[in-house]
């Protein structure tokens, strides 16, 4: 599990290689990642958008931006956790993801919340530092 905290918002990431959806012989590798967004602060926040940097095992980086997550822009009240699962395909058996969420507080102020870097590694592939 990977974890980061920004302004009382704790982000926990658990990646999982999906062998049944991957085809290594065709250089197609797929991961699911589950993210818990825990509001440990004292005010309600809303997740507005996301930004990801996805780097494969040969250093090719793709940036992905968009509104919300999995089609939602959740309100997260103090003491609650919002959890979702999404996925990421790569052409290599390893890679790394890192990013941020843009959120608003109850005053309408925008702020960024760090998503910790997390490794995507096939269990059968040789380990490398990404």
C-alpha atoms as a PDB file:
ATOM      1  CA  UNK A   1       0.000   0.000   0.000  1.00  0.00           C
ATOM      2  CA  UNK A   2       1.182   3.524  -0.834  1.00  0.00           C
ATOM      3  CA  UNK A   3       0.102   6.575   1.168  1.00  0.00           C
ATOM      4  CA  UNK A   4       0.298  10.394   1.258  1.00  0.00           C
ATOM      5  CA  UNK A   5      -1.461  13.117   3.277  1.00  0.00           C
ATOM      6  CA  UNK A   6      -2.221  16.672   2.120  1.00  0.00           C
ATOM      7  CA  UNK A   7      -4.277  19.117   4.212  1.00  0.00           C
ATOM      8  CA  UNK A   8      -5.814  16.285   6.215  1.00  0.00           C
ATOM      9  CA  UNK A   9      -6.756  14.248   3.138  1.00  0.00           C
ATOM     10  CA  UNK A  10      -5.117  10.802   3.263  1.00  0.00           C
ATOM     11  CA  UNK A  11      -4.692   8.975  -0.055  1.00  0.00           C
ATOM     12  CA  UNK A  12      -4.025   5.226   0.075  1.00  0.00           C
ATOM     13  CA  UNK A  13      -3.334   3.260  -3.119  1.00  0.00           C
ATOM     14  CA  UNK A  14      -3.348  -0.502  -3.543  1.00  0.00           C
ATOM     15  CA  UNK A  15      -2.339  -1.673  -7.053  1.00  0.00           C
ATOM     16  CA  UNK A  16      -3.033  -5.184  -8.330  1.00  0.00           C
ATOM     17  CA  UNK A  17      -1.781  -6.869 -11.492  1.00  0.00           C
ATOM     18  CA  UNK A  18      -4.650  -8.413 -13.466  1.00  0.00           C
ATOM     19  CA  UNK A  19      -3.192 -11.515 -15.062  1.00  0.00           C
ATOM     20  CA  UNK A  20      -6.537 -12.591 -16.565  1.00  0.00           C
ATOM     21  CA  UNK A  21      -6.831  -9.284 -18.488  1.00  0.00           C
ATOM     22  CA  UNK A  22      -3.183  -9.120 -19.560  1.00  0.00           C
ATOM     23  CA  UNK A  23      -1.565 -10.661 -22.633  1.00  0.00           C
ATOM     24  CA  UNK A  24       2.211 -10.513 -22.116  1.00  0.00           C
ATOM     25  CA  UNK A  25       2.870 -12.194 -25.473  1.00  0.00           C
ATOM     26  CA  UNK A  26       1.231  -9.124 -27.091  1.00  0.00           C
ATOM     27  CA  UNK A  27       2.907  -6.606 -24.720  1.00  0.00           C
ATOM     28  CA  UNK A  28      -0.433  -5.879 -23.039  1.00  0.00           C
ATOM     29  CA  UNK A  29      -0.299  -5.609 -19.244  1.00  0.00           C
ATOM     30  CA  UNK A  30      -3.198  -4.422 -17.089  1.00  0.00           C
ATOM     31  CA  UNK A  31      -3.465  -3.297 -13.469  1.00  0.00           C
ATOM     32  CA  UNK A  32      -6.329  -2.310 -11.238  1.00  0.00           C
ATOM     33  CA  UNK A  33      -5.705   0.163  -8.452  1.00  0.00           C
ATOM     34  CA  UNK A  34      -7.958   0.880  -5.520  1.00  0.00           C
ATOM     35  CA  UNK A  35      -7.786   4.311  -3.941  1.00  0.00           C
ATOM     36  CA  UNK A  36      -9.121   5.285  -0.520  1.00  0.00           C
ATOM     37  CA  UNK A  37      -9.568   9.029   0.005  1.00  0.00           C
ATOM     38  CA  UNK A  38      -9.960   9.571   3.753  1.00  0.00           C
ATOM     39  CA  UNK A  39     -10.961  13.009   5.010  1.00  0.00           C
ATOM     40  CA  UNK A  40      -9.151  13.359   8.320  1.00  0.00           C
ATOM     41  CA  UNK A  41      -9.693  17.126   8.359  1.00  0.00           C
ATOM     42  CA  UNK A  42     -12.547  19.120   9.841  1.00  0.00           C
ATOM     43  CA  UNK A  43     -14.326  20.358   6.720  1.00  0.00           C
ATOM     44  CA  UNK A  44     -16.112  18.764   3.786  1.00  0.00           C
ATOM     45  CA  UNK A  45     -14.198  18.674   0.502  1.00  0.00           C
ATOM     46  CA  UNK A  46     -15.213  17.872  -3.052  1.00  0.00           C
ATOM     47  CA  UNK A  47     -12.986  16.098  -5.551  1.00  0.00           C
ATOM     48  CA  UNK A  48     -13.151  18.099  -8.803  1.00  0.00           C
ATOM     49  CA  UNK A  49     -10.501  16.645 -11.116  1.00  0.00           C
ATOM     50  CA  UNK A  50      -7.525  14.333 -11.416  1.00  0.00           C
ATOM     51  CA  UNK A  51      -4.112  14.405 -13.057  1.00  0.00           C
ATOM     52  CA  UNK A  52      -1.948  11.324 -13.614  1.00  0.00           C
ATOM     53  CA  UNK A  53       1.576  10.830 -14.902  1.00  0.00           C
ATOM     54  CA  UNK A  54       1.946   7.238 -16.059  1.00  0.00           C
ATOM     55  CA  UNK A  55       5.458   6.059 -16.942  1.00  0.00           C
ATOM     56  CA  UNK A  56       6.106   2.643 -18.447  1.00  0.00           C
ATOM     57  CA  UNK A  57       9.181   0.458 -18.015  1.00  0.00           C
ATOM     58  CA  UNK A  58      11.094   2.123 -20.858  1.00  0.00           C
ATOM     59  CA  UNK A  59      10.467   5.668 -19.618  1.00  0.00           C
ATOM     60  CA  UNK A  60       7.576   6.687 -21.894  1.00  0.00           C
ATOM     61  CA  UNK A  61       5.314   9.049 -19.919  1.00  0.00           C
ATOM     62  CA  UNK A  62       1.681   9.853 -20.569  1.00  0.00           C
ATOM     63  CA  UNK A  63      -0.237  12.574 -18.739  1.00  0.00           C
ATOM     64  CA  UNK A  64      -3.950  12.086 -18.154  1.00  0.00           C
ATOM     65  CA  UNK A  65      -6.287  14.830 -16.892  1.00  0.00           C
ATOM     66  CA  UNK A  66     -10.013  14.845 -16.433  1.00  0.00           C
ATOM     67  CA  UNK A  67     -12.987  15.714 -14.264  1.00  0.00           C
ATOM     68  CA  UNK A  68     -13.659  13.638 -11.151  1.00  0.00           C
ATOM     69  CA  UNK A  69     -12.907   9.943 -10.838  1.00  0.00           C
ATOM     70  CA  UNK A  70     -14.838   7.052 -12.384  1.00  0.00           C
ATOM     71  CA  UNK A  71     -17.509   9.518 -13.506  1.00  0.00           C
ATOM     72  CA  UNK A  72     -18.029  11.057 -10.055  1.00  0.00           C
ATOM     73  CA  UNK A  73     -17.074  14.257  -8.235  1.00  0.00           C
ATOM     74  CA  UNK A  74     -17.670  13.055  -4.675  1.00  0.00           C
ATOM     75  CA  UNK A  75     -18.246  15.183  -1.588  1.00  0.00           C
ATOM     76  CA  UNK A  76     -16.148  13.746   1.237  1.00  0.00           C
ATOM     77  CA  UNK A  77     -17.230  14.735   4.731  1.00  0.00           C
ATOM     78  CA  UNK A  78     -14.889  14.797   7.746  1.00  0.00           C
ATOM     79  CA  UNK A  79     -14.330  11.327   9.149  1.00  0.00           C
ATOM     80  CA  UNK A  80     -15.463   9.547   5.977  1.00  0.00           C
ATOM     81  CA  UNK A  81     -13.652   7.699   3.214  1.00  0.00           C
ATOM     82  CA  UNK A  82     -14.450   7.548  -0.487  1.00  0.00           C
ATOM     83  CA  UNK A  83     -13.120   4.440  -2.253  1.00  0.00           C
ATOM     84  CA  UNK A  84     -12.971   3.631  -5.940  1.00  0.00           C
ATOM     85  CA  UNK A  85     -11.181   1.229  -8.273  1.00  0.00           C
ATOM     86  CA  UNK A  86      -9.881   2.021 -11.736  1.00  0.00           C
ATOM     87  CA  UNK A  87      -7.370   0.514 -14.138  1.00  0.00           C
ATOM     88  CA  UNK A  88      -4.255   1.174 -16.165  1.00  0.00           C
ATOM     89  CA  UNK A  89      -2.882  -0.610 -19.247  1.00  0.00           C
ATOM     90  CA  UNK A  90       0.818  -0.601 -20.115  1.00  0.00           C
ATOM     91  CA  UNK A  91       2.894  -1.985 -22.988  1.00  0.00           C
ATOM     92  CA  UNK A  92       5.663  -3.044 -20.557  1.00  0.00           C
ATOM     93  CA  UNK A  93       5.583  -5.405 -17.540  1.00  0.00           C
ATOM     94  CA  UNK A  94       6.362  -2.588 -15.120  1.00  0.00           C
ATOM     95  CA  UNK A  95       5.742   1.099 -14.640  1.00  0.00           C
ATOM     96  CA  UNK A  96       4.895   3.797 -12.167  1.00  0.00           C
ATOM     97  CA  UNK A  97       1.994   6.176 -11.598  1.00  0.00           C
ATOM     98  CA  UNK A  98       1.862   9.427  -9.642  1.00  0.00           C
ATOM     99  CA  UNK A  99      -0.624  12.260  -9.645  1.00  0.00           C
ATOM    100  CA  UNK A 100      -2.897  14.656  -7.826  1.00  0.00           C
ATOM    101  CA  UNK A 101      -6.530  15.476  -7.222  1.00  0.00           C
ATOM    102  CA  UNK A 102      -7.857  19.010  -7.355  1.00  0.00           C
ATOM    103  CA  UNK A 103     -10.376  19.594  -4.596  1.00  0.00           C
ATOM    104  CA  UNK A 104     -12.451  22.437  -3.235  1.00  0.00           C
ATOM    105  CA  UNK A 105     -13.143  23.195   0.402  1.00  0.00           C
ATOM    106  CA  UNK A 106     -16.342  24.654   1.889  1.00  0.00           C
ATOM    107  CA  UNK A 107     -15.163  28.186   1.050  1.00  0.00           C
ATOM    108  CA  UNK A 108     -14.741  27.257  -2.618  1.00  0.00           C
ATOM    109  CA  UNK A 109     -10.932  27.380  -2.442  1.00  0.00           C
ATOM    110  CA  UNK A 110      -9.201  25.026  -4.877  1.00  0.00           C
ATOM    111  CA  UNK A 111      -6.264  22.973  -3.626  1.00  0.00           C
ATOM    112  CA  UNK A 112      -4.228  20.006  -4.850  1.00  0.00           C
ATOM    113  CA  UNK A 113      -3.931  16.716  -2.984  1.00  0.00           C
ATOM    114  CA  UNK A 114      -0.935  14.508  -3.765  1.00  0.00           C
ATOM    115  CA  UNK A 115      -1.437  10.944  -4.957  1.00  0.00           C
ATOM    116  CA  UNK A 116       1.695   9.024  -3.941  1.00  0.00           C
ATOM    117  CA  UNK A 117       3.848   7.405  -6.593  1.00  0.00           C
ATOM    118  CA  UNK A 118       3.095   3.700  -6.824  1.00  0.00           C
ATOM    119  CA  UNK A 119       4.755   0.898  -8.700  1.00  0.00           C
ATOM    120  CA  UNK A 120       3.089  -1.351 -11.248  1.00  0.00           C
ATOM    121  CA  UNK A 121       5.023  -4.621 -11.426  1.00  0.00           C
ATOM    122  CA  UNK A 122       4.049  -7.973 -12.929  1.00  0.00           C
ATOM    123  CA  UNK A 123       4.766 -10.757 -10.455  1.00  0.00           C
ATOM    124  CA  UNK A 124       6.640 -12.800 -13.114  1.00  0.00           C
ATOM    125  CA  UNK A 125       8.772  -9.938 -14.494  1.00  0.00           C
ATOM    126  CA  UNK A 126      12.283  -9.141 -13.262  1.00  0.00           C
ATOM    127  CA  UNK A 127      12.190  -6.327 -10.692  1.00  0.00           C
ATOM    128  CA  UNK A 128      13.607  -2.943 -11.649  1.00  0.00           C
ATOM    129  CA  UNK A 129      13.640   0.475 -10.055  1.00  0.00           C
ATOM    130  CA  UNK A 130      11.217   2.722 -11.964  1.00  0.00           C
END
